[in-house]
mmCIF file of all heavy atoms, coordinates in Angstrom:
data_MODEL
# 
_entry.id   MODEL 
# 
loop_
_atom_site.group_PDB 
_atom_site.id 
_atom_site.type_symbol 
_atom_site.label_atom_id 
_atom_site.label_alt_id 
_atom_site.label_comp_id 
_atom_site.label_asym_id 
_atom_site.label_entity_id 
_atom_site.label_seq_id 
_atom_site.pdbx_PDB_ins_code 
_atom_site.Cartn_x 
_atom_site.Cartn_y 
_atom_site.Cartn_z 
_atom_site.occupancy 
_atom_site.B_iso_or_equiv 
_atom_site.pdbx_formal_charge 
_atom_site.auth_seq_id 
_atom_site.auth_comp_id 
_atom_site.auth_asym_id 
_atom_site.auth_atom_id 
_atom_site.pdbx_PDB_model_num 
ATOM 1   N N   . ASP A 1 1  ? -3.203  6.522  154.135 1.00 0.00 ? 1  ASP A N   1 
ATOM 2   C CA  . ASP A 1 1  ? -3.902  5.456  154.814 1.00 0.00 ? 1  ASP A CA  1 
ATOM 3   C C   . ASP A 1 1  ? -3.486  5.357  156.289 1.00 0.00 ? 1  ASP A C   1 
ATOM 4   O O   . ASP A 1 1  ? -4.303  5.158  157.176 1.00 0.00 ? 1  ASP A O   1 
ATOM 5   C CB  . ASP A 1 1  ? -3.646  4.120  154.074 1.00 0.00 ? 1  ASP A CB  1 
ATOM 6   C CG  . ASP A 1 1  ? -4.241  2.952  154.819 1.00 0.00 ? 1  ASP A CG  1 
ATOM 7   O OD1 . ASP A 1 1  ? -5.407  2.988  155.209 1.00 0.00 ? 1  ASP A OD1 1 
ATOM 8   O OD2 . ASP A 1 1  ? -3.456  1.981  155.080 1.00 0.00 ? 1  ASP A OD2 1 
ATOM 9   N N   . LEU A 1 2  ? -2.163  5.430  156.534 1.00 0.00 ? 2  LEU A N   1 
ATOM 10  C CA  . LEU A 1 2  ? -1.702  5.309  157.896 1.00 0.00 ? 2  LEU A CA  1 
ATOM 11  C C   . LEU A 1 2  ? -2.171  6.496  158.777 1.00 0.00 ? 2  LEU A C   1 
ATOM 12  O O   . LEU A 1 2  ? -2.530  6.260  159.925 1.00 0.00 ? 2  LEU A O   1 
ATOM 13  C CB  . LEU A 1 2  ? -0.116  5.268  157.893 1.00 0.00 ? 2  LEU A CB  1 
ATOM 14  C CG  . LEU A 1 2  ? 0.473   4.009  157.296 1.00 0.00 ? 2  LEU A CG  1 
ATOM 15  C CD1 . LEU A 1 2  ? 1.968   4.110  157.209 1.00 0.00 ? 2  LEU A CD1 1 
ATOM 16  C CD2 . LEU A 1 2  ? 0.039   2.786  158.056 1.00 0.00 ? 2  LEU A CD2 1 
ATOM 17  N N   . ILE A 1 3  ? -2.227  7.671  158.203 1.00 0.00 ? 3  ILE A N   1 
ATOM 18  C CA  . ILE A 1 3  ? -2.739  8.830  158.949 1.00 0.00 ? 3  ILE A CA  1 
ATOM 19  C C   . ILE A 1 3  ? -4.262  8.625  159.290 1.00 0.00 ? 3  ILE A C   1 
ATOM 20  O O   . ILE A 1 3  ? -4.649  8.840  160.403 1.00 0.00 ? 3  ILE A O   1 
ATOM 21  C CB  . ILE A 1 3  ? -2.590  10.112 158.136 1.00 0.00 ? 3  ILE A CB  1 
ATOM 22  C CG1 . ILE A 1 3  ? -1.049  10.463 158.099 1.00 0.00 ? 3  ILE A CG1 1 
ATOM 23  C CG2 . ILE A 1 3  ? -3.353  11.290 158.776 1.00 0.00 ? 3  ILE A CG2 1 
ATOM 24  C CD1 . ILE A 1 3  ? -0.710  11.543 157.089 1.00 0.00 ? 3  ILE A CD1 1 
ATOM 25  N N   . LEU A 1 4  ? -4.987  8.191  158.282 1.00 0.00 ? 4  LEU A N   1 
ATOM 26  C CA  . LEU A 1 4  ? -6.426  7.941  158.518 1.00 0.00 ? 4  LEU A CA  1 
ATOM 27  C C   . LEU A 1 4  ? -6.615  6.801  159.567 1.00 0.00 ? 4  LEU A C   1 
ATOM 28  O O   . LEU A 1 4  ? -7.507  6.884  160.415 1.00 0.00 ? 4  LEU A O   1 
ATOM 29  C CB  . LEU A 1 4  ? -7.125  7.614  157.186 1.00 0.00 ? 4  LEU A CB  1 
ATOM 30  C CG  . LEU A 1 4  ? -7.176  8.793  156.224 1.00 0.00 ? 4  LEU A CG  1 
ATOM 31  C CD1 . LEU A 1 4  ? -7.654  8.286  154.835 1.00 0.00 ? 4  LEU A CD1 1 
ATOM 32  C CD2 . LEU A 1 4  ? -8.108  9.868  156.757 1.00 0.00 ? 4  LEU A CD2 1 
ATOM 33  N N   . HIS A 1 5  ? -5.805  5.780  159.463 1.00 0.00 ? 5  HIS A N   1 
ATOM 34  C CA  . HIS A 1 5  ? -5.945  4.676  160.419 1.00 0.00 ? 5  HIS A CA  1 
ATOM 35  C C   . HIS A 1 5  ? -5.599  5.178  161.860 1.00 0.00 ? 5  HIS A C   1 
ATOM 36  O O   . HIS A 1 5  ? -6.296  4.814  162.775 1.00 0.00 ? 5  HIS A O   1 
ATOM 37  C CB  . HIS A 1 5  ? -5.013  3.545  160.050 1.00 0.00 ? 5  HIS A CB  1 
ATOM 38  C CG  . HIS A 1 5  ? -4.891  2.489  161.093 1.00 0.00 ? 5  HIS A CG  1 
ATOM 39  N ND1 . HIS A 1 5  ? -5.904  1.611  161.361 1.00 0.00 ? 5  HIS A ND1 1 
ATOM 40  C CD2 . HIS A 1 5  ? -3.896  2.213  161.982 1.00 0.00 ? 5  HIS A CD2 1 
ATOM 41  C CE1 . HIS A 1 5  ? -5.552  0.829  162.341 1.00 0.00 ? 5  HIS A CE1 1 
ATOM 42  N NE2 . HIS A 1 5  ? -4.331  1.155  162.735 1.00 0.00 ? 5  HIS A NE2 1 
ATOM 43  N N   . ASN A 1 6  ? -4.528  5.976  161.936 1.00 0.00 ? 6  ASN A N   1 
ATOM 44  C CA  . ASN A 1 6  ? -4.213  6.506  163.286 1.00 0.00 ? 6  ASN A CA  1 
ATOM 45  C C   . ASN A 1 6  ? -5.278  7.336  163.895 1.00 0.00 ? 6  ASN A C   1 
ATOM 46  O O   . ASN A 1 6  ? -5.476  7.332  165.102 1.00 0.00 ? 6  ASN A O   1 
ATOM 47  C CB  . ASN A 1 6  ? -2.903  7.290  163.133 1.00 0.00 ? 6  ASN A CB  1 
ATOM 48  C CG  . ASN A 1 6  ? -2.322  7.694  164.451 1.00 0.00 ? 6  ASN A CG  1 
ATOM 49  O OD1 . ASN A 1 6  ? -2.176  6.864  165.330 1.00 0.00 ? 6  ASN A OD1 1 
ATOM 50  N ND2 . ASN A 1 6  ? -1.978  8.932  164.667 1.00 0.00 ? 6  ASN A ND2 1 
ATOM 51  N N   . ASP A 1 7  ? -6.037  8.060  163.036 1.00 0.00 ? 7  ASP A N   1 
ATOM 52  C CA  . ASP A 1 7  ? -7.111  8.919  163.498 1.00 0.00 ? 7  ASP A CA  1 
ATOM 53  C C   . ASP A 1 7  ? -8.432  8.138  163.591 1.00 0.00 ? 7  ASP A C   1 
ATOM 54  O O   . ASP A 1 7  ? -9.501  8.743  163.932 1.00 0.00 ? 7  ASP A O   1 
ATOM 55  C CB  . ASP A 1 7  ? -7.315  10.122 162.611 1.00 0.00 ? 7  ASP A CB  1 
ATOM 56  C CG  . ASP A 1 7  ? -6.107  11.122 162.733 1.00 0.00 ? 7  ASP A CG  1 
ATOM 57  O OD1 . ASP A 1 7  ? -5.423  11.035 163.762 1.00 0.00 ? 7  ASP A OD1 1 
ATOM 58  O OD2 . ASP A 1 7  ? -5.946  11.913 161.838 1.00 0.00 ? 7  ASP A OD2 1 
ATOM 59  N N   . GLU A 1 8  ? -8.347  6.838  163.321 1.00 0.00 ? 8  GLU A N   1 
ATOM 60  C CA  . GLU A 1 8  ? -9.566  5.971  163.313 1.00 0.00 ? 8  GLU A CA  1 
ATOM 61  C C   . GLU A 1 8  ? -10.660 6.483  162.411 1.00 0.00 ? 8  GLU A C   1 
ATOM 62  O O   . GLU A 1 8  ? -11.836 6.485  162.772 1.00 0.00 ? 8  GLU A O   1 
ATOM 63  C CB  . GLU A 1 8  ? -10.008 5.775  164.774 1.00 0.00 ? 8  GLU A CB  1 
ATOM 64  C CG  . GLU A 1 8  ? -9.041  5.094  165.642 1.00 0.00 ? 8  GLU A CG  1 
ATOM 65  C CD  . GLU A 1 8  ? -9.453  4.946  167.073 1.00 0.00 ? 8  GLU A CD  1 
ATOM 66  O OE1 . GLU A 1 8  ? -10.599 5.436  167.443 1.00 0.00 ? 8  GLU A OE1 1 
ATOM 67  O OE2 . GLU A 1 8  ? -8.676  4.371  167.889 1.00 0.00 ? 8  GLU A OE2 1 
ATOM 68  N N   . VAL A 1 9  ? -10.278 6.866  161.190 1.00 0.00 ? 9  VAL A N   1 
ATOM 69  C CA  . VAL A 1 9  ? -11.168 7.377  160.204 1.00 0.00 ? 9  VAL A CA  1 
ATOM 70  C C   . VAL A 1 9  ? -11.267 6.337  159.055 1.00 0.00 ? 9  VAL A C   1 
ATOM 71  O O   . VAL A 1 9  ? -10.235 5.755  158.672 1.00 0.00 ? 9  VAL A O   1 
ATOM 72  C CB  . VAL A 1 9  ? -10.745 8.748  159.673 1.00 0.00 ? 9  VAL A CB  1 
ATOM 73  C CG1 . VAL A 1 9  ? -11.651 9.234  158.556 1.00 0.00 ? 9  VAL A CG1 1 
ATOM 74  C CG2 . VAL A 1 9  ? -10.610 9.775  160.778 1.00 0.00 ? 9  VAL A CG2 1 
ATOM 75  N N   . THR A 1 10 ? -12.400 6.121  158.513 1.00 0.00 ? 10 THR A N   1 
ATOM 76  C CA  . THR A 1 10 ? -12.562 5.218  157.389 1.00 0.00 ? 10 THR A CA  1 
ATOM 77  C C   . THR A 1 10 ? -11.850 5.740  156.163 1.00 0.00 ? 10 THR A C   1 
ATOM 78  O O   . THR A 1 10 ? -11.900 6.931  155.858 1.00 0.00 ? 10 THR A O   1 
ATOM 79  C CB  . THR A 1 10 ? -14.044 5.045  157.072 1.00 0.00 ? 10 THR A CB  1 
ATOM 80  O OG1 . THR A 1 10 ? -14.769 4.600  158.218 1.00 0.00 ? 10 THR A OG1 1 
ATOM 81  C CG2 . THR A 1 10 ? -14.249 3.995  155.956 1.00 0.00 ? 10 THR A CG2 1 
ATOM 82  N N   . VAL A 1 11 ? -11.123 4.871  155.444 1.00 0.00 ? 11 VAL A N   1 
ATOM 83  C CA  . VAL A 1 11 ? -10.370 5.230  154.297 1.00 0.00 ? 11 VAL A CA  1 
ATOM 84  C C   . VAL A 1 11 ? -11.280 5.372  153.080 1.00 0.00 ? 11 VAL A C   1 
ATOM 85  O O   . VAL A 1 11 ? -11.962 4.332  152.739 1.00 0.00 ? 11 VAL A O   1 
ATOM 86  C CB  . VAL A 1 11 ? -9.254  4.212  154.021 1.00 0.00 ? 11 VAL A CB  1 
ATOM 87  C CG1 . VAL A 1 11 ? -8.485  4.538  152.758 1.00 0.00 ? 11 VAL A CG1 1 
ATOM 88  C CG2 . VAL A 1 11 ? -8.282  4.113  155.229 1.00 0.00 ? 11 VAL A CG2 1 
ATOM 89  N N   . THR A 1 12 ? -11.299 6.506  152.482 1.00 0.00 ? 12 THR A N   1 
ATOM 90  C CA  . THR A 1 12 ? -12.085 6.698  151.282 1.00 0.00 ? 12 THR A CA  1 
ATOM 91  C C   . THR A 1 12 ? -11.181 7.457  150.268 1.00 0.00 ? 12 THR A C   1 
ATOM 92  O O   . THR A 1 12 ? -10.164 8.087  150.631 1.00 0.00 ? 12 THR A O   1 
ATOM 93  C CB  . THR A 1 12 ? -13.383 7.526  151.468 1.00 0.00 ? 12 THR A CB  1 
ATOM 94  O OG1 . THR A 1 12 ? -12.980 8.871  151.943 1.00 0.00 ? 12 THR A OG1 1 
ATOM 95  C CG2 . THR A 1 12 ? -14.279 6.864  152.479 1.00 0.00 ? 12 THR A CG2 1 
ATOM 96  N N   . GLU A 1 13 ? -11.602 7.413  148.986 1.00 0.00 ? 13 GLU A N   1 
ATOM 97  C CA  . GLU A 1 13 ? -10.831 8.140  147.968 1.00 0.00 ? 13 GLU A CA  1 
ATOM 98  C C   . GLU A 1 13 ? -10.765 9.631  148.256 1.00 0.00 ? 13 GLU A C   1 
ATOM 99  O O   . GLU A 1 13 ? -9.704  10.241 148.100 1.00 0.00 ? 13 GLU A O   1 
ATOM 100 C CB  . GLU A 1 13 ? -11.453 7.839  146.594 1.00 0.00 ? 13 GLU A CB  1 
ATOM 101 C CG  . GLU A 1 13 ? -10.697 8.515  145.435 1.00 0.00 ? 13 GLU A CG  1 
ATOM 102 C CD  . GLU A 1 13 ? -11.329 8.276  144.119 1.00 0.00 ? 13 GLU A CD  1 
ATOM 103 O OE1 . GLU A 1 13 ? -12.360 7.556  144.066 1.00 0.00 ? 13 GLU A OE1 1 
ATOM 104 O OE2 . GLU A 1 13 ? -10.819 8.840  143.138 1.00 0.00 ? 13 GLU A OE2 1 
ATOM 105 N N   . ASP A 1 14 ? -11.872 10.224 148.661 1.00 0.00 ? 14 ASP A N   1 
ATOM 106 C CA  . ASP A 1 14 ? -11.887 11.611 148.951 1.00 0.00 ? 14 ASP A CA  1 
ATOM 107 C C   . ASP A 1 14 ? -10.931 12.042 150.109 1.00 0.00 ? 14 ASP A C   1 
ATOM 108 O O   . ASP A 1 14 ? -10.293 13.059 150.045 1.00 0.00 ? 14 ASP A O   1 
ATOM 109 C CB  . ASP A 1 14 ? -13.323 12.076 149.307 1.00 0.00 ? 14 ASP A CB  1 
ATOM 110 C CG  . ASP A 1 14 ? -14.254 11.977 148.069 1.00 0.00 ? 14 ASP A CG  1 
ATOM 111 O OD1 . ASP A 1 14 ? -13.786 12.036 146.941 1.00 0.00 ? 14 ASP A OD1 1 
ATOM 112 O OD2 . ASP A 1 14 ? -15.502 11.781 148.330 1.00 0.00 ? 14 ASP A OD2 1 
ATOM 113 N N   . LYS A 1 15 ? -10.923 11.215 151.116 1.00 0.00 ? 15 LYS A N   1 
ATOM 114 C CA  . LYS A 1 15 ? -10.066 11.546 152.275 1.00 0.00 ? 15 LYS A CA  1 
ATOM 115 C C   . LYS A 1 15 ? -8.622  11.383 151.932 1.00 0.00 ? 15 LYS A C   1 
ATOM 116 O O   . LYS A 1 15 ? -7.735  12.159 152.341 1.00 0.00 ? 15 LYS A O   1 
ATOM 117 C CB  . LYS A 1 15 ? -10.438 10.662 153.464 1.00 0.00 ? 15 LYS A CB  1 
ATOM 118 C CG  . LYS A 1 15 ? -11.825 11.007 153.990 1.00 0.00 ? 15 LYS A CG  1 
ATOM 119 C CD  . LYS A 1 15 ? -12.253 10.112 155.111 1.00 0.00 ? 15 LYS A CD  1 
ATOM 120 C CE  . LYS A 1 15 ? -13.669 10.435 155.555 1.00 0.00 ? 15 LYS A CE  1 
ATOM 121 N NZ  . LYS A 1 15 ? -14.251 9.451  156.443 1.00 0.00 ? 15 LYS A NZ  1 
ATOM 122 N N   . ILE A 1 16 ? -8.265  10.379 151.118 1.00 0.00 ? 16 ILE A N   1 
ATOM 123 C CA  . ILE A 1 16 ? -6.906  10.196 150.641 1.00 0.00 ? 16 ILE A CA  1 
ATOM 124 C C   . ILE A 1 16 ? -6.486  11.396 149.796 1.00 0.00 ? 16 ILE A C   1 
ATOM 125 O O   . ILE A 1 16 ? -5.425  11.959 149.914 1.00 0.00 ? 16 ILE A O   1 
ATOM 126 C CB  . ILE A 1 16 ? -6.729  8.874  149.835 1.00 0.00 ? 16 ILE A CB  1 
ATOM 127 C CG1 . ILE A 1 16 ? -6.838  7.670  150.754 1.00 0.00 ? 16 ILE A CG1 1 
ATOM 128 C CG2 . ILE A 1 16 ? -5.391  8.843  149.123 1.00 0.00 ? 16 ILE A CG2 1 
ATOM 129 C CD1 . ILE A 1 16 ? -6.849  6.335  150.092 1.00 0.00 ? 16 ILE A CD1 1 
ATOM 130 N N   . ASN A 1 17 ? -7.393  11.801 148.863 1.00 0.00 ? 17 ASN A N   1 
ATOM 131 C CA  . ASN A 1 17 ? -7.150  12.993 148.019 1.00 0.00 ? 17 ASN A CA  1 
ATOM 132 C C   . ASN A 1 17 ? -6.923  14.247 148.871 1.00 0.00 ? 17 ASN A C   1 
ATOM 133 O O   . ASN A 1 17 ? -6.040  15.070 148.561 1.00 0.00 ? 17 ASN A O   1 
ATOM 134 C CB  . ASN A 1 17 ? -8.220  13.165 147.002 1.00 0.00 ? 17 ASN A CB  1 
ATOM 135 C CG  . ASN A 1 17 ? -8.033  12.309 145.801 1.00 0.00 ? 17 ASN A CG  1 
ATOM 136 O OD1 . ASN A 1 17 ? -6.936  12.069 145.334 1.00 0.00 ? 17 ASN A OD1 1 
ATOM 137 N ND2 . ASN A 1 17 ? -9.168  11.790 145.256 1.00 0.00 ? 17 ASN A ND2 1 
ATOM 138 N N   . ALA A 1 18 ? -7.750  14.431 149.917 1.00 0.00 ? 18 ALA A N   1 
ATOM 139 C CA  . ALA A 1 18 ? -7.650  15.597 150.790 1.00 0.00 ? 18 ALA A CA  1 
ATOM 140 C C   . ALA A 1 18 ? -6.255  15.690 151.468 1.00 0.00 ? 18 ALA A C   1 
ATOM 141 O O   . ALA A 1 18 ? -5.601  16.720 151.514 1.00 0.00 ? 18 ALA A O   1 
ATOM 142 C CB  . ALA A 1 18 ? -8.770  15.622 151.791 1.00 0.00 ? 18 ALA A CB  1 
ATOM 143 N N   . LEU A 1 19 ? -5.796  14.547 152.010 1.00 0.00 ? 19 LEU A N   1 
ATOM 144 C CA  . LEU A 1 19 ? -4.497  14.467 152.599 1.00 0.00 ? 19 LEU A CA  1 
ATOM 145 C C   . LEU A 1 19 ? -3.350  14.703 151.674 1.00 0.00 ? 19 LEU A C   1 
ATOM 146 O O   . LEU A 1 19 ? -2.369  15.421 151.969 1.00 0.00 ? 19 LEU A O   1 
ATOM 147 C CB  . LEU A 1 19 ? -4.347  13.156 153.357 1.00 0.00 ? 19 LEU A CB  1 
ATOM 148 C CG  . LEU A 1 19 ? -5.097  12.943 154.653 1.00 0.00 ? 19 LEU A CG  1 
ATOM 149 C CD1 . LEU A 1 19 ? -5.058  11.554 155.153 1.00 0.00 ? 19 LEU A CD1 1 
ATOM 150 C CD2 . LEU A 1 19 ? -4.587  13.935 155.714 1.00 0.00 ? 19 LEU A CD2 1 
ATOM 151 N N   . ILE A 1 20 ? -3.484  14.173 150.474 1.00 0.00 ? 20 ILE A N   1 
ATOM 152 C CA  . ILE A 1 20 ? -2.421  14.342 149.457 1.00 0.00 ? 20 ILE A CA  1 
ATOM 153 C C   . ILE A 1 20 ? -2.390  15.757 149.025 1.00 0.00 ? 20 ILE A C   1 
ATOM 154 O O   . ILE A 1 20 ? -1.271  16.350 148.884 1.00 0.00 ? 20 ILE A O   1 
ATOM 155 C CB  . ILE A 1 20 ? -2.697  13.383 148.250 1.00 0.00 ? 20 ILE A CB  1 
ATOM 156 C CG1 . ILE A 1 20 ? -2.399  11.940 148.654 1.00 0.00 ? 20 ILE A CG1 1 
ATOM 157 C CG2 . ILE A 1 20 ? -1.794  13.746 147.059 1.00 0.00 ? 20 ILE A CG2 1 
ATOM 158 C CD1 . ILE A 1 20 ? -2.819  10.910 147.620 1.00 0.00 ? 20 ILE A CD1 1 
ATOM 159 N N   . LYS A 1 21 ? -3.527  16.413 148.836 1.00 0.00 ? 21 LYS A N   1 
ATOM 160 C CA  . LYS A 1 21 ? -3.576  17.822 148.457 1.00 0.00 ? 21 LYS A CA  1 
ATOM 161 C C   . LYS A 1 21 ? -2.987  18.653 149.602 1.00 0.00 ? 21 LYS A C   1 
ATOM 162 O O   . LYS A 1 21 ? -2.236  19.586 149.290 1.00 0.00 ? 21 LYS A O   1 
ATOM 163 C CB  . LYS A 1 21 ? -5.021  18.234 148.173 1.00 0.00 ? 21 LYS A CB  1 
ATOM 164 C CG  . LYS A 1 21 ? -5.149  19.626 147.672 1.00 0.00 ? 21 LYS A CG  1 
ATOM 165 C CD  . LYS A 1 21 ? -6.607  19.970 147.309 1.00 0.00 ? 21 LYS A CD  1 
ATOM 166 C CE  . LYS A 1 21 ? -6.695  21.383 146.854 1.00 0.00 ? 21 LYS A CE  1 
ATOM 167 N NZ  . LYS A 1 21 ? -8.092  21.761 146.530 1.00 0.00 ? 21 LYS A NZ  1 
ATOM 168 N N   . ALA A 1 22 ? -3.332  18.342 150.802 1.00 0.00 ? 22 ALA A N   1 
ATOM 169 C CA  . ALA A 1 22 ? -2.795  19.144 151.980 1.00 0.00 ? 22 ALA A CA  1 
ATOM 170 C C   . ALA A 1 22 ? -1.254  18.998 152.061 1.00 0.00 ? 22 ALA A C   1 
ATOM 171 O O   . ALA A 1 22 ? -0.576  19.948 152.496 1.00 0.00 ? 22 ALA A O   1 
ATOM 172 C CB  . ALA A 1 22 ? -3.475  18.612 153.237 1.00 0.00 ? 22 ALA A CB  1 
ATOM 173 N N   . GLY A 1 23 ? -0.785  17.833 151.661 1.00 0.00 ? 23 GLY A N   1 
ATOM 174 C CA  . GLY A 1 23 ? 0.717   17.631 151.654 1.00 0.00 ? 23 GLY A CA  1 
ATOM 175 C C   . GLY A 1 23 ? 1.407   18.264 150.460 1.00 0.00 ? 23 GLY A C   1 
ATOM 176 O O   . GLY A 1 23 ? 2.653   18.273 150.476 1.00 0.00 ? 23 GLY A O   1 
ATOM 177 N N   . GLY A 1 24 ? 0.652   18.745 149.501 1.00 0.00 ? 24 GLY A N   1 
ATOM 178 C CA  . GLY A 1 24 ? 1.236   19.342 148.354 1.00 0.00 ? 24 GLY A CA  1 
ATOM 179 C C   . GLY A 1 24 ? 1.945   18.379 147.366 1.00 0.00 ? 24 GLY A C   1 
ATOM 180 O O   . GLY A 1 24 ? 2.856   18.767 146.693 1.00 0.00 ? 24 GLY A O   1 
ATOM 181 N N   . VAL A 1 25 ? 1.456   17.172 147.353 1.00 0.00 ? 25 VAL A N   1 
ATOM 182 C CA  . VAL A 1 25 ? 2.043   16.129 146.497 1.00 0.00 ? 25 VAL A CA  1 
ATOM 183 C C   . VAL A 1 25 ? 1.207   15.924 145.291 1.00 0.00 ? 25 VAL A C   1 
ATOM 184 O O   . VAL A 1 25 ? -0.045  15.901 145.335 1.00 0.00 ? 25 VAL A O   1 
ATOM 185 C CB  . VAL A 1 25 ? 2.149   14.772 147.289 1.00 0.00 ? 25 VAL A CB  1 
ATOM 186 C CG1 . VAL A 1 25 ? 2.767   13.695 146.388 1.00 0.00 ? 25 VAL A CG1 1 
ATOM 187 C CG2 . VAL A 1 25 ? 2.903   14.943 148.545 1.00 0.00 ? 25 VAL A CG2 1 
ATOM 188 N N   . ASN A 1 26 ? 1.798   15.840 144.114 1.00 0.00 ? 26 ASN A N   1 
ATOM 189 C CA  . ASN A 1 26 ? 1.121   15.570 142.859 1.00 0.00 ? 26 ASN A CA  1 
ATOM 190 C C   . ASN A 1 26 ? 1.186   14.059 142.603 1.00 0.00 ? 26 ASN A C   1 
ATOM 191 O O   . ASN A 1 26 ? 2.245   13.488 142.515 1.00 0.00 ? 26 ASN A O   1 
ATOM 192 C CB  . ASN A 1 26 ? 1.740   16.325 141.665 1.00 0.00 ? 26 ASN A CB  1 
ATOM 193 C CG  . ASN A 1 26 ? 1.613   17.858 141.850 1.00 0.00 ? 26 ASN A CG  1 
ATOM 194 O OD1 . ASN A 1 26 ? 0.584   18.287 142.319 1.00 0.00 ? 26 ASN A OD1 1 
ATOM 195 N ND2 . ASN A 1 26 ? 2.607   18.563 141.438 1.00 0.00 ? 26 ASN A ND2 1 
ATOM 196 N N   . VAL A 1 27 ? -0.015  13.437 142.489 1.00 0.00 ? 27 VAL A N   1 
ATOM 197 C CA  . VAL A 1 27 ? -0.095  12.030 142.239 1.00 0.00 ? 27 VAL A CA  1 
ATOM 198 C C   . VAL A 1 27 ? -0.928  11.742 141.000 1.00 0.00 ? 27 VAL A C   1 
ATOM 199 O O   . VAL A 1 27 ? -1.792  12.578 140.618 1.00 0.00 ? 27 VAL A O   1 
ATOM 200 C CB  . VAL A 1 27 ? -0.671  11.229 143.416 1.00 0.00 ? 27 VAL A CB  1 
ATOM 201 C CG1 . VAL A 1 27 ? 0.148   11.424 144.633 1.00 0.00 ? 27 VAL A CG1 1 
ATOM 202 C CG2 . VAL A 1 27 ? -2.094  11.603 143.675 1.00 0.00 ? 27 VAL A CG2 1 
ATOM 203 N N   . GLU A 1 28 ? -0.675  10.646 140.385 1.00 0.00 ? 28 GLU A N   1 
ATOM 204 C CA  . GLU A 1 28 ? -1.573  10.212 139.253 1.00 0.00 ? 28 GLU A CA  1 
ATOM 205 C C   . GLU A 1 28 ? -2.925  10.030 139.797 1.00 0.00 ? 28 GLU A C   1 
ATOM 206 O O   . GLU A 1 28 ? -3.090  9.405  140.940 1.00 0.00 ? 28 GLU A O   1 
ATOM 207 C CB  . GLU A 1 28 ? -1.026  8.961  138.604 1.00 0.00 ? 28 GLU A CB  1 
ATOM 208 C CG  . GLU A 1 28 ? 0.272   9.140  137.871 1.00 0.00 ? 28 GLU A CG  1 
ATOM 209 C CD  . GLU A 1 28 ? 1.512   8.939  138.721 1.00 0.00 ? 28 GLU A CD  1 
ATOM 210 O OE1 . GLU A 1 28 ? 1.329   8.787  139.932 1.00 0.00 ? 28 GLU A OE1 1 
ATOM 211 O OE2 . GLU A 1 28 ? 2.602   9.012  138.203 1.00 0.00 ? 28 GLU A OE2 1 
ATOM 212 N N   . PRO A 1 29 ? -3.961  10.373 139.088 1.00 0.00 ? 29 PRO A N   1 
ATOM 213 C CA  . PRO A 1 29 ? -5.337  10.326 139.657 1.00 0.00 ? 29 PRO A CA  1 
ATOM 214 C C   . PRO A 1 29 ? -5.857  8.936  139.986 1.00 0.00 ? 29 PRO A C   1 
ATOM 215 O O   . PRO A 1 29 ? -6.823  8.811  140.774 1.00 0.00 ? 29 PRO A O   1 
ATOM 216 C CB  . PRO A 1 29 ? -6.170  11.021 138.581 1.00 0.00 ? 29 PRO A CB  1 
ATOM 217 C CG  . PRO A 1 29 ? -5.395  11.108 137.371 1.00 0.00 ? 29 PRO A CG  1 
ATOM 218 C CD  . PRO A 1 29 ? -3.933  10.969 137.769 1.00 0.00 ? 29 PRO A CD  1 
ATOM 219 N N   . PHE A 1 30 ? -5.314  7.931  139.420 1.00 0.00 ? 30 PHE A N   1 
ATOM 220 C CA  . PHE A 1 30 ? -5.859  6.590  139.676 1.00 0.00 ? 30 PHE A CA  1 
ATOM 221 C C   . PHE A 1 30 ? -5.418  5.971  141.005 1.00 0.00 ? 30 PHE A C   1 
ATOM 222 O O   . PHE A 1 30 ? -6.004  5.056  141.533 1.00 0.00 ? 30 PHE A O   1 
ATOM 223 C CB  . PHE A 1 30 ? -5.560  5.600  138.543 1.00 0.00 ? 30 PHE A CB  1 
ATOM 224 C CG  . PHE A 1 30 ? -4.093  5.320  138.358 1.00 0.00 ? 30 PHE A CG  1 
ATOM 225 C CD1 . PHE A 1 30 ? -3.484  4.250  139.013 1.00 0.00 ? 30 PHE A CD1 1 
ATOM 226 C CD2 . PHE A 1 30 ? -3.294  6.102  137.533 1.00 0.00 ? 30 PHE A CD2 1 
ATOM 227 C CE1 . PHE A 1 30 ? -2.160  3.972  138.853 1.00 0.00 ? 30 PHE A CE1 1 
ATOM 228 C CE2 . PHE A 1 30 ? -1.954  5.835  137.382 1.00 0.00 ? 30 PHE A CE2 1 
ATOM 229 C CZ  . PHE A 1 30 ? -1.379  4.766  138.049 1.00 0.00 ? 30 PHE A CZ  1 
# 
């Protein structure tokens, strides 16, 4: 969320998932 806010991009589930995947972090899907 902070990364998306810094880039002035709207926060969506897909964008959060993309950043998490790029970071190589495994999170619970919810």
